[in-house]
Amino acid sequence: KEAHYADDGECELLGIPKGENTTIYRAVGCEECNYNGYKGRTGIHELLIVDEHIRELIHNGKGEQAVEKYIRTHSPSIRQDGCSRVLAGKTTLEEVLRVTREEG
């Protein structure tokens, strides 16, 4: 892997302030990783904890959209978990963007 400072666009995607010289990494291939820039696997996760409010939404038949809207404002998304792993140096932003999708 190759270290570099996150540019303004990367900072925006990572949800961090611009211009703070945050180090992130790019995938650089070598013989050890079969020239793809990655070795092994790192999981990123999204966890739904069913609290009282979600129980009420489900019980009252509010539907998937209402439940998802509540979840999006009260728990981290899979992309946010991936971004935390980018900032920890465990993976690259490119890989997180490749394996996640978020709607605006």
PDB file of N, CA and C in Angstrom:
ATOM      1  N   LYS A   1       0.843  -1.179   0.000  1.00  0.00           N
ATOM      2  CA  LYS A   1       0.000   0.000   0.000  1.00  0.00           C
ATOM      3  C   LYS A   1       0.880   1.232   0.000  1.00  0.00           C
ATOM      4  N   GLU A   2       0.319   2.314  -0.505  1.00  0.00           N
ATOM      5  CA  GLU A   2       1.073   3.555  -0.650  1.00  0.00           C
ATOM      6  C   GLU A   2       0.328   4.676   0.069  1.00  0.00           C
ATOM      7  N   ALA A   3       0.996   5.317   0.999  1.00  0.00           N
ATOM      8  CA  ALA A   3       0.385   6.395   1.781  1.00  0.00           C
ATOM      9  C   ALA A   3       0.320   7.684   0.966  1.00  0.00           C
ATOM     10  N   HIS A   4      -0.746   8.442   1.178  1.00  0.00           N
ATOM     11  CA  HIS A   4      -0.856   9.790   0.618  1.00  0.00           C
ATOM     12  C   HIS A   4      -1.820  10.592   1.478  1.00  0.00           C
ATOM     13  N   TYR A   5      -1.762  11.911   1.357  1.00  0.00           N
ATOM     14  CA  TYR A   5      -2.702  12.758   2.075  1.00  0.00           C
ATOM     15  C   TYR A   5      -4.019  12.792   1.312  1.00  0.00           C
ATOM     16  N   ALA A   6      -5.117  12.673   2.036  1.00  0.00           N
ATOM     17  CA  ALA A   6      -6.442  12.723   1.409  1.00  0.00           C
ATOM     18  C   ALA A   6      -6.653  14.100   0.791  1.00  0.00           C
ATOM     19  N   ASP A   7      -7.082  14.113  -0.474  1.00  0.00           N
ATOM     20  CA  ASP A   7      -7.386  15.393  -1.115  1.00  0.00           C
ATOM     21  C   ASP A   7      -8.773  15.861  -0.679  1.00  0.00           C
ATOM     22  N   ASP A   8      -9.183  17.048  -1.142  1.00  0.00           N
ATOM     23  CA  ASP A   8     -10.460  17.617  -0.703  1.00  0.00           C
ATOM     24  C   ASP A   8     -11.646  16.708  -1.023  1.00  0.00           C
ATOM     25  N   GLY A   9     -11.639  16.095  -2.204  1.00  0.00           N
ATOM     26  CA  GLY A   9     -12.726  15.192  -2.578  1.00  0.00           C
ATOM     27  C   GLY A   9     -12.777  13.954  -1.701  1.00  0.00           C
ATOM     28  N   GLU A  10     -11.618  13.407  -1.401  1.00  0.00           N
ATOM     29  CA  GLU A  10     -11.559  12.232  -0.527  1.00  0.00           C
ATOM     30  C   GLU A  10     -12.002  12.592   0.886  1.00  0.00           C
ATOM     31  N   CYS A  11     -11.574  13.774   1.360  1.00  0.00           N
ATOM     32  CA  CYS A  11     -12.006  14.228   2.692  1.00  0.00           C
ATOM     33  C   CYS A  11     -13.522  14.337   2.752  1.00  0.00           C
ATOM     34  N   GLU A  12     -14.111  14.881   1.693  1.00  0.00           N
ATOM     35  CA  GLU A  12     -15.572  15.008   1.654  1.00  0.00           C
ATOM     36  C   GLU A  12     -16.240  13.638   1.713  1.00  0.00           C
ATOM     37  N   LEU A  13     -15.755  12.690   0.930  1.00  0.00           N
ATOM     38  CA  LEU A  13     -16.323  11.340   0.938  1.00  0.00           C
ATOM     39  C   LEU A  13     -16.139  10.650   2.286  1.00  0.00           C
ATOM     40  N   LEU A  14     -15.028  10.941   2.963  1.00  0.00           N
ATOM     41  CA  LEU A  14     -14.746  10.331   4.261  1.00  0.00           C
ATOM     42  C   LEU A  14     -15.446  11.046   5.408  1.00  0.00           C
ATOM     43  N   GLY A  15     -16.005  12.227   5.126  1.00  0.00           N
ATOM     44  CA  GLY A  15     -16.702  12.976   6.169  1.00  0.00           C
ATOM     45  C   GLY A  15     -15.761  13.608   7.180  1.00  0.00           C
ATOM     46  N   ILE A  16     -14.589  14.025   6.705  1.00  0.00           N
ATOM     47  CA  ILE A  16     -13.611  14.655   7.594  1.00  0.00           C
ATOM     48  C   ILE A  16     -13.294  16.061   7.089  1.00  0.00           C
ATOM     49  N   PRO A  17     -12.788  16.940   7.957  1.00  0.00           N
ATOM     50  CA  PRO A  17     -12.443  18.303   7.521  1.00  0.00           C
ATOM     51  C   PRO A  17     -11.345  18.290   6.457  1.00  0.00           C
ATOM     52  N   LYS A  18     -11.452  19.220   5.523  1.00  0.00           N
ATOM     53  CA  LYS A  18     -10.452  19.343   4.459  1.00  0.00           C
ATOM     54  C   LYS A  18      -9.193  20.012   4.999  1.00  0.00           C
ATOM     55  N   GLY A  19      -8.067  19.691   4.393  1.00  0.00           N
ATOM     56  CA  GLY A  19      -6.819  20.374   4.687  1.00  0.00           C
ATOM     57  C   GLY A  19      -6.139  20.003   5.983  1.00  0.00           C
ATOM     58  N   GLU A  20      -6.430  18.848   6.536  1.00  0.00           N
ATOM     59  CA  GLU A  20      -5.802  18.446   7.798  1.00  0.00           C
ATOM     60  C   GLU A  20      -4.680  17.428   7.606  1.00  0.00           C
ATOM     61  N   ASN A  21      -4.250  17.215   6.368  1.00  0.00           N
ATOM     62  CA  ASN A  21      -3.181  16.257   6.075  1.00  0.00           C
ATOM     63  C   ASN A  21      -3.451  14.876   6.668  1.00  0.00           C
ATOM     64  N   THR A  22      -4.639  14.377   6.405  1.00  0.00           N
ATOM     65  CA  THR A  22      -5.014  13.037   6.858  1.00  0.00           C
ATOM     66  C   THR A  22      -4.406  12.002   5.921  1.00  0.00           C
ATOM     67  N   THR A  23      -3.677  11.064   6.464  1.00  0.00           N
ATOM     68  CA  THR A  23      -3.045  10.022   5.659  1.00  0.00           C
ATOM     69  C   THR A  23      -4.020   8.879   5.421  1.00  0.00           C
ATOM     70  N   ILE A  24      -4.182   8.532   4.145  1.00  0.00           N
ATOM     71  CA  ILE A  24      -4.923   7.335   3.757  1.00  0.00           C
ATOM     72  C   ILE A  24      -4.033   6.572   2.778  1.00  0.00           C
ATOM     73  N   TYR A  25      -4.516   5.454   2.273  1.00  0.00           N
ATOM     74  CA  TYR A  25      -3.667   4.597   1.447  1.00  0.00           C
ATOM     75  C   TYR A  25      -4.319   4.273   0.109  1.00  0.00           C
ATOM     76  N   ARG A  26      -3.449   4.029  -0.878  1.00  0.00           N
ATOM     77  CA  ARG A  26      -3.854   3.533  -2.192  1.00  0.00           C
ATOM     78  C   ARG A  26      -3.349   2.098  -2.319  1.00  0.00           C
ATOM     79  N   ALA A  27      -4.073   1.310  -3.075  1.00  0.00           N
ATOM     80  CA  ALA A  27      -3.629  -0.063  -3.340  1.00  0.00           C
ATOM     81  C   ALA A  27      -2.524  -0.027  -4.389  1.00  0.00           C
ATOM     82  N   VAL A  28      -1.419  -0.655  -4.082  1.00  0.00           N
ATOM     83  CA  VAL A  28      -0.301  -0.772  -5.017  1.00  0.00           C
ATOM     84  C   VAL A  28       0.048  -2.251  -5.099  1.00  0.00           C
ATOM     85  N   GLY A  29       0.031  -2.783  -6.289  1.00  0.00           N
ATOM     86  CA  GLY A  29       0.265  -4.213  -6.456  1.00  0.00           C
ATOM     87  C   GLY A  29       1.716  -4.621  -6.261  1.00  0.00           C
ATOM     88  N   CYS A  30       1.889  -5.849  -5.812  1.00  0.00           N
ATOM     89  CA  CYS A  30       3.222  -6.440  -5.652  1.00  0.00           C
ATOM     90  C   CYS A  30       3.069  -7.961  -5.795  1.00  0.00           C
ATOM     91  N   GLU A  31       4.170  -8.647  -5.800  1.00  0.00           N
ATOM     92  CA  GLU A  31       4.124 -10.105  -5.949  1.00  0.00           C
ATOM     93  C   GLU A  31       3.351 -10.762  -4.804  1.00  0.00           C
ATOM     94  N   GLU A  32       3.529 -10.226  -3.586  1.00  0.00           N
ATOM     95  CA  GLU A  32       2.890 -10.819  -2.404  1.00  0.00           C
ATOM     96  C   GLU A  32       1.357 -10.792  -2.489  1.00  0.00           C
ATOM     97  N   CYS A  33       0.803  -9.739  -3.131  1.00  0.00           N
ATOM     98  CA  CYS A  33      -0.663  -9.633  -3.218  1.00  0.00           C
ATOM     99  C   CYS A  33      -1.176  -9.995  -4.611  1.00  0.00           C
ATOM    100  N   ASN A  34      -0.331 -10.633  -5.413  1.00  0.00           N
ATOM    101  CA  ASN A  34      -0.694 -11.026  -6.772  1.00  0.00           C
ATOM    102  C   ASN A  34      -1.011  -9.806  -7.639  1.00  0.00           C
ATOM    103  N   TYR A  35      -0.355  -8.691  -7.357  1.00  0.00           N
ATOM    104  CA  TYR A  35      -0.430  -7.454  -8.137  1.00  0.00           C
ATOM    105  C   TYR A  35      -1.812  -6.813  -8.174  1.00  0.00           C
ATOM    106  N   ASN A  36      -2.620  -7.043  -7.134  1.00  0.00           N
ATOM    107  CA  ASN A  36      -3.922  -6.370  -7.102  1.00  0.00           C
ATOM    108  C   ASN A  36      -4.011  -5.313  -6.007  1.00  0.00           C
ATOM    109  N   GLY A  37      -3.024  -5.251  -5.133  1.00  0.00           N
ATOM    110  CA  GLY A  37      -3.002  -4.210  -4.107  1.00  0.00           C
ATOM    111  C   GLY A  37      -3.677  -4.586  -2.805  1.00  0.00           C
ATOM    112  N   TYR A  38      -4.222  -5.789  -2.729  1.00  0.00           N
ATOM    113  CA  TYR A  38      -4.929  -6.221  -1.521  1.00  0.00           C
ATOM    114  C   TYR A  38      -4.483  -7.620  -1.142  1.00  0.00           C
ATOM    115  N   LYS A  39      -4.452  -7.875   0.164  1.00  0.00           N
ATOM    116  CA  LYS A  39      -4.139  -9.215   0.643  1.00  0.00           C
ATOM    117  C   LYS A  39      -5.110  -9.530   1.766  1.00  0.00           C
ATOM    118  N   GLY A  40      -5.807 -10.636   1.655  1.00  0.00           N
ATOM    119  CA  GLY A  40      -6.786 -11.004   2.668  1.00  0.00           C
ATOM    120  C   GLY A  40      -8.083 -10.232   2.501  1.00  0.00           C
ATOM    121  N   ARG A  41      -8.889 -10.295   3.536  1.00  0.00           N
ATOM    122  CA  ARG A  41     -10.200  -9.648   3.500  1.00  0.00           C
ATOM    123  C   ARG A  41     -10.410  -8.852   4.773  1.00  0.00           C
ATOM    124  N   THR A  42     -11.146  -7.778   4.640  1.00  0.00           N
ATOM    125  CA  THR A  42     -11.539  -6.958   5.780  1.00  0.00           C
ATOM    126  C   THR A  42     -13.037  -6.749   5.678  1.00  0.00           C
ATOM    127  N   GLY A  43     -13.752  -7.102   6.698  1.00  0.00           N
ATOM    128  CA  GLY A  43     -15.201  -6.936   6.684  1.00  0.00           C
ATOM    129  C   GLY A  43     -15.604  -5.516   7.037  1.00  0.00           C
ATOM    130  N   ILE A  44     -16.644  -5.048   6.380  1.00  0.00           N
ATOM    131  CA  ILE A  44     -17.309  -3.815   6.788  1.00  0.00           C
ATOM    132  C   ILE A  44     -18.749  -4.191   7.088  1.00  0.00           C
ATOM    133  N   HIS A  45     -19.329  -3.540   8.076  1.00  0.00           N
ATOM    134  CA  HIS A  45     -20.606  -4.015   8.583  1.00  0.00           C
ATOM    135  C   HIS A  45     -21.600  -2.888   8.813  1.00  0.00           C
ATOM    136  N   GLU A  46     -22.844  -3.263   8.750  1.00  0.00           N
ATOM    137  CA  GLU A  46     -23.953  -2.384   9.099  1.00  0.00           C
ATOM    138  C   GLU A  46     -24.824  -3.189  10.056  1.00  0.00           C
ATOM    139  N   LEU A  47     -25.043  -2.662  11.231  1.00  0.00           N
ATOM    140  CA  LEU A  47     -25.767  -3.393  12.259  1.00  0.00           C
ATOM    141  C   LEU A  47     -27.066  -2.674  12.589  1.00  0.00           C
ATOM    142  N   LEU A  48     -28.151  -3.404  12.579  1.00  0.00           N
ATOM    143  CA  LEU A  48     -29.452  -2.856  12.959  1.00  0.00           C
ATOM    144  C   LEU A  48     -29.804  -3.363  14.348  1.00  0.00           C
ATOM    145  N   ILE A  49     -29.906  -2.432  15.276  1.00  0.00           N
ATOM    146  CA  ILE A  49     -30.363  -2.768  16.621  1.00  0.00           C
ATOM    147  C   ILE A  49     -31.821  -2.345  16.704  1.00  0.00           C
ATOM    148  N   VAL A  50     -32.677  -3.306  16.918  1.00  0.00           N
ATOM    149  CA  VAL A  50     -34.114  -3.026  16.956  1.00  0.00           C
ATOM    150  C   VAL A  50     -34.453  -2.442  18.325  1.00  0.00           C
ATOM    151  N   ASP A  51     -34.597  -1.103  18.335  1.00  0.00           N
ATOM    152  CA  ASP A  51     -34.959  -0.423  19.579  1.00  0.00           C
ATOM    153  C   ASP A  51     -36.481  -0.265  19.648  1.00  0.00           C
ATOM    154  N   GLU A  52     -36.938   0.388  20.670  1.00  0.00           N
ATOM    155  CA  GLU A  52     -38.386   0.541  20.878  1.00  0.00           C
ATOM    156  C   GLU A  52     -39.054   1.279  19.721  1.00  0.00           C
ATOM    157  N   HIS A  53     -38.396   2.311  19.196  1.00  0.00           N
ATOM    158  CA  HIS A  53     -38.983   3.079  18.095  1.00  0.00           C
ATOM    159  C   HIS A  53     -39.141   2.209  16.839  1.00  0.00           C
ATOM    160  N   ILE A  54     -38.128   1.424  16.520  1.00  0.00           N
ATOM    161  CA  ILE A  54     -38.226   0.537  15.352  1.00  0.00           C
ATOM    162  C   ILE A  54     -39.307  -0.511  15.578  1.00  0.00           C
ATOM    163  N   ARG A  55     -39.389  -1.040  16.786  1.00  0.00           N
ATOM    164  CA  ARG A  55     -40.466  -1.996  17.100  1.00  0.00           C
ATOM    165  C   ARG A  55     -41.833  -1.374  16.826  1.00  0.00           C
ATOM    166  N   GLU A  56     -42.010  -0.132  17.259  1.00  0.00           N
ATOM    167  CA  GLU A  56     -43.293   0.551  17.045  1.00  0.00           C
ATOM    168  C   GLU A  56     -43.570   0.757  15.565  1.00  0.00           C
ATOM    169  N   LEU A  57     -42.554   1.160  14.804  1.00  0.00           N
ATOM    170  CA  LEU A  57     -42.739   1.338  13.361  1.00  0.00           C
ATOM    171  C   LEU A  57     -43.183   0.033  12.711  1.00  0.00           C
ATOM    172  N   ILE A  58     -42.525  -1.061  13.070  1.00  0.00           N
ATOM    173  CA  ILE A  58     -42.871  -2.369  12.506  1.00  0.00           C
ATOM    174  C   ILE A  58     -44.264  -2.793  12.963  1.00  0.00           C
ATOM    175  N   HIS A  59     -44.524  -2.674  14.242  1.00  0.00           N
ATOM    176  CA  HIS A  59     -45.816  -3.079  14.805  1.00  0.00           C
ATOM    177  C   HIS A  59     -46.973  -2.296  14.181  1.00  0.00           C
ATOM    178  N   ASN A  60     -46.748  -1.015  13.925  1.00  0.00           N
ATOM    179  CA  ASN A  60     -47.798  -0.167  13.357  1.00  0.00           C
ATOM    180  C   ASN A  60     -47.854  -0.231  11.833  1.00  0.00           C
ATOM    181  N   GLY A  61     -47.066  -1.121  11.232  1.00  0.00           N
ATOM    182  CA  GLY A  61     -47.123  -1.333   9.784  1.00  0.00           C
ATOM    183  C   GLY A  61     -46.659  -0.142   8.972  1.00  0.00           C
ATOM    184  N   LYS A  62     -45.693   0.604   9.475  1.00  0.00           N
ATOM    185  CA  LYS A  62     -45.251   1.826   8.788  1.00  0.00           C
ATOM    186  C   LYS A  62     -44.465   1.550   7.516  1.00  0.00           C
ATOM    187  N   GLY A  63     -43.967   0.367   7.342  1.00  0.00           N
ATOM    188  CA  GLY A  63     -43.299   0.004   6.096  1.00  0.00           C
ATOM    189  C   GLY A  63     -41.794   0.187   6.123  1.00  0.00           C
ATOM    190  N   GLU A  64     -41.190  -0.410   5.116  1.00  0.00           N
ATOM    191  CA  GLU A  64     -39.732  -0.447   5.013  1.00  0.00           C
ATOM    192  C   GLU A  64     -39.113   0.941   4.895  1.00  0.00           C
ATOM    193  N   GLN A  65     -39.748   1.841   4.142  1.00  0.00           N
ATOM    194  CA  GLN A  65     -39.179   3.179   3.949  1.00  0.00           C
ATOM    195  C   GLN A  65     -39.096   3.953   5.255  1.00  0.00           C
ATOM    196  N   ALA A  66     -40.111   3.862   6.094  1.00  0.00           N
ATOM    197  CA  ALA A  66     -40.099   4.566   7.381  1.00  0.00           C
ATOM    198  C   ALA A  66     -39.023   3.995   8.295  1.00  0.00           C
ATOM    199  N   VAL A  67     -38.891   2.683   8.302  1.00  0.00           N
ATOM    200  CA  VAL A  67     -37.864   2.042   9.130  1.00  0.00           C
ATOM    201  C   VAL A  67     -36.475   2.449   8.634  1.00  0.00           C
ATOM    202  N   GLU A  68     -36.261   2.400   7.320  1.00  0.00           N
ATOM    203  CA  GLU A  68     -34.952   2.757   6.771  1.00  0.00           C
ATOM    204  C   GLU A  68     -34.621   4.221   7.030  1.00  0.00           C
ATOM    205  N   LYS A  69     -35.594   5.101   6.906  1.00  0.00           N
ATOM    206  CA  LYS A  69     -35.369   6.530   7.178  1.00  0.00           C
ATOM    207  C   LYS A  69     -34.901   6.728   8.622  1.00  0.00           C
ATOM    208  N   TYR A  70     -35.531   6.058   9.556  1.00  0.00           N
ATOM    209  CA  TYR A  70     -35.139   6.154  10.963  1.00  0.00           C
ATOM    210  C   TYR A  70     -33.726   5.601  11.165  1.00  0.00           C
ATOM    211  N   ILE A  71     -33.456   4.455  10.582  1.00  0.00           N
ATOM    212  CA  ILE A  71     -32.141   3.820  10.734  1.00  0.00           C
ATOM    213  C   ILE A  71     -31.039   4.727  10.195  1.00  0.00           C
ATOM    214  N   ARG A  72     -31.256   5.321   9.028  1.00  0.00           N
ATOM    215  CA  ARG A  72     -30.238   6.175   8.396  1.00  0.00           C
ATOM    216  C   ARG A  72     -29.878   7.379   9.257  1.00  0.00           C
ATOM    217  N   THR A  73     -30.782   7.809  10.111  1.00  0.00           N
ATOM    218  CA  THR A  73     -30.489   8.965  10.961  1.00  0.00           C
ATOM    219  C   THR A  73     -30.023   8.573  12.357  1.00  0.00           C
ATOM    220  N   HIS A  74     -30.040   7.288  12.688  1.00  0.00           N
ATOM    221  CA  HIS A  74     -29.704   6.871  14.049  1.00  0.00           C
ATOM    222  C   HIS A  74     -28.606   5.811  14.160  1.00  0.00           C
ATOM    223  N   SER A  75     -28.069   5.337  13.056  1.00  0.00           N
ATOM    224  CA  SER A  75     -26.986   4.352  13.149  1.00  0.00           C
ATOM    225  C   SER A  75     -26.061   4.493  11.945  1.00  0.00           C
ATOM    226  N   PRO A  76     -24.793   4.113  12.100  1.00  0.00           N
ATOM    227  CA  PRO A  76     -23.835   4.243  10.999  1.00  0.00           C
ATOM    228  C   PRO A  76     -24.172   3.306   9.843  1.00  0.00           C
ATOM    229  N   SER A  77     -23.918   3.782   8.638  1.00  0.00           N
ATOM    230  CA  SER A  77     -24.147   2.967   7.446  1.00  0.00           C
ATOM    231  C   SER A  77     -22.936   2.072   7.190  1.00  0.00           C
ATOM    232  N   ILE A  78     -23.101   1.156   6.258  1.00  0.00           N
ATOM    233  CA  ILE A  78     -21.996   0.275   5.891  1.00  0.00           C
ATOM    234  C   ILE A  78     -20.853   1.095   5.299  1.00  0.00           C
ATOM    235  N   ARG A  79     -21.183   2.153   4.556  1.00  0.00           N
ATOM    236  CA  ARG A  79     -20.127   3.003   3.996  1.00  0.00           C
ATOM    237  C   ARG A  79     -19.386   3.737   5.107  1.00  0.00           C
ATOM    238  N   GLN A  80     -20.103   4.215   6.119  1.00  0.00           N
ATOM    239  CA  GLN A  80     -19.436   4.896   7.233  1.00  0.00           C
ATOM    240  C   GLN A  80     -18.478   3.950   7.951  1.00  0.00           C
ATOM    241  N   ASP A  81     -18.881   2.697   8.114  1.00  0.00           N
ATOM    242  CA  ASP A  81     -17.984   1.720   8.727  1.00  0.00           C
ATOM    243  C   ASP A  81     -16.757   1.511   7.845  1.00  0.00           C
ATOM    244  N   GLY A  82     -16.980   1.427   6.542  1.00  0.00           N
ATOM    245  CA  GLY A  82     -15.854   1.292   5.618  1.00  0.00           C
ATOM    246  C   GLY A  82     -14.911   2.480   5.690  1.00  0.00           C
ATOM    247  N   CYS A  83     -15.468   3.682   5.776  1.00  0.00           N
ATOM    248  CA  CYS A  83     -14.639   4.886   5.865  1.00  0.00           C
ATOM    249  C   CYS A  83     -13.815   4.896   7.144  1.00  0.00           C
ATOM    250  N   SER A  84     -14.368   4.388   8.221  1.00  0.00           N
ATOM    251  CA  SER A  84     -13.579   4.318   9.459  1.00  0.00           C
ATOM    252  C   SER A  84     -12.400   3.364   9.278  1.00  0.00           C
ATOM    253  N   ARG A  85     -12.577   2.327   8.472  1.00  0.00           N
ATOM    254  CA  ARG A  85     -11.482   1.389   8.209  1.00  0.00           C
ATOM    255  C   ARG A  85     -10.452   1.996   7.250  1.00  0.00           C
ATOM    256  N   VAL A  86     -10.906   2.876   6.355  1.00  0.00           N
ATOM    257  CA  VAL A  86      -9.966   3.620   5.504  1.00  0.00           C
ATOM    258  C   VAL A  86      -9.083   4.502   6.380  1.00  0.00           C
ATOM    259  N   LEU A  87      -9.701   5.228   7.299  1.00  0.00           N
ATOM    260  CA  LEU A  87      -8.953   6.129   8.180  1.00  0.00           C
ATOM    261  C   LEU A  87      -8.016   5.370   9.118  1.00  0.00           C
ATOM    262  N   ALA A  88      -8.347   4.116   9.411  1.00  0.00           N
ATOM    263  CA  ALA A  88      -7.484   3.280  10.253  1.00  0.00           C
ATOM    264  C   ALA A  88      -6.379   2.603   9.436  1.00  0.00           C
ATOM    265  N   GLY A  89      -6.387   2.792   8.106  1.00  0.00           N
ATOM    266  CA  GLY A  89      -5.356   2.203   7.258  1.00  0.00           C
ATOM    267  C   GLY A  89      -5.582   0.750   6.905  1.00  0.00           C
ATOM    268  N   LYS A  90      -6.804   0.247   7.116  1.00  0.00           N
ATOM    269  CA  LYS A  90      -7.100  -1.168   6.864  1.00  0.00           C
ATOM    270  C   LYS A  90      -7.489  -1.462   5.423  1.00  0.00           C
ATOM    271  N   THR A  91      -7.985  -0.447   4.701  1.00  0.00           N
ATOM    272  CA  THR A  91      -8.399  -0.625   3.310  1.00  0.00           C
ATOM    273  C   THR A  91      -8.308   0.724   2.609  1.00  0.00           C
ATOM    274  N   THR A  92      -8.733   0.756   1.351  1.00  0.00           N
ATOM    275  CA  THR A  92      -8.666   1.995   0.578  1.00  0.00           C
ATOM    276  C   THR A  92     -10.059   2.568   0.361  1.00  0.00           C
ATOM    277  N   LEU A  93     -10.097   3.867   0.126  1.00  0.00           N
ATOM    278  CA  LEU A  93     -11.370   4.513  -0.176  1.00  0.00           C
ATOM    279  C   LEU A  93     -11.957   3.946  -1.463  1.00  0.00           C
ATOM    280  N   GLU A  94     -11.117   3.688  -2.442  1.00  0.00           N
ATOM    281  CA  GLU A  94     -11.595   3.133  -3.713  1.00  0.00           C
ATOM    282  C   GLU A  94     -12.322   1.810  -3.502  1.00  0.00           C
ATOM    283  N   GLU A  95     -11.785   0.978  -2.634  1.00  0.00           N
ATOM    284  CA  GLU A  95     -12.412  -0.323  -2.384  1.00  0.00           C
ATOM    285  C   GLU A  95     -13.738  -0.160  -1.647  1.00  0.00           C
ATOM    286  N   VAL A  96     -13.796   0.742  -0.691  1.00  0.00           N
ATOM    287  CA  VAL A  96     -15.055   0.984   0.030  1.00  0.00           C
ATOM    288  C   VAL A  96     -16.117   1.502  -0.930  1.00  0.00           C
ATOM    289  N   LEU A  97     -15.753   2.433  -1.801  1.00  0.00           N
ATOM    290  CA  LEU A  97     -16.719   2.956  -2.772  1.00  0.00           C
ATOM    291  C   LEU A  97     -17.162   1.872  -3.746  1.00  0.00           C
ATOM    292  N   ARG A  98     -16.259   0.976  -4.089  1.00  0.00           N
ATOM    293  CA  ARG A  98     -16.595  -0.108  -5.029  1.00  0.00           C
ATOM    294  C   ARG A  98     -17.618  -1.068  -4.444  1.00  0.00           C
ATOM    295  N   VAL A  99     -17.492  -1.390  -3.156  1.00  0.00           N
ATOM    296  CA  VAL A  99     -18.340  -2.430  -2.577  1.00  0.00           C
ATOM    297  C   VAL A  99     -19.575  -1.901  -1.853  1.00  0.00           C
ATOM    298  N   THR A 100     -19.711  -0.585  -1.775  1.00  0.00           N
ATOM    299  CA  THR A 100     -20.899  -0.017  -1.133  1.00  0.00           C
ATOM    300  C   THR A 100     -21.636   0.857  -2.124  1.00  0.00           C
ATOM    301  N   ARG A 101     -22.860   1.108  -1.807  1.00  0.00           N
ATOM    302  CA  ARG A 101     -23.626   2.073  -2.593  1.00  0.00           C
ATOM    303  C   ARG A 101     -24.497   2.831  -1.608  1.00  0.00           C
ATOM    304  N   GLU A 102     -24.636   4.100  -1.856  1.00  0.00           N
ATOM    305  CA  GLU A 102     -25.520   4.891  -1.009  1.00  0.00           C
ATOM    306  C   GLU A 102     -26.312   5.806  -1.907  1.00  0.00           C
ATOM    307  N   GLU A 103     -27.536   6.014  -1.527  1.00  0.00           N
ATOM    308  CA  GLU A 103     -28.399   6.892  -2.298  1.00  0.00           C
ATOM    309  C   GLU A 103     -28.451   8.236  -1.613  1.00  0.00           C
ATOM    310  N   GLY A 104     -28.357   9.289  -2.449  1.00  0.00           N
ATOM    311  CA  GLY A 104     -28.218  10.635  -1.976  1.00  0.00           C
ATOM    312  C   GLY A 104     -29.291  11.206  -1.215  1.00  0.00           C
TER     313      GLY A 104
END
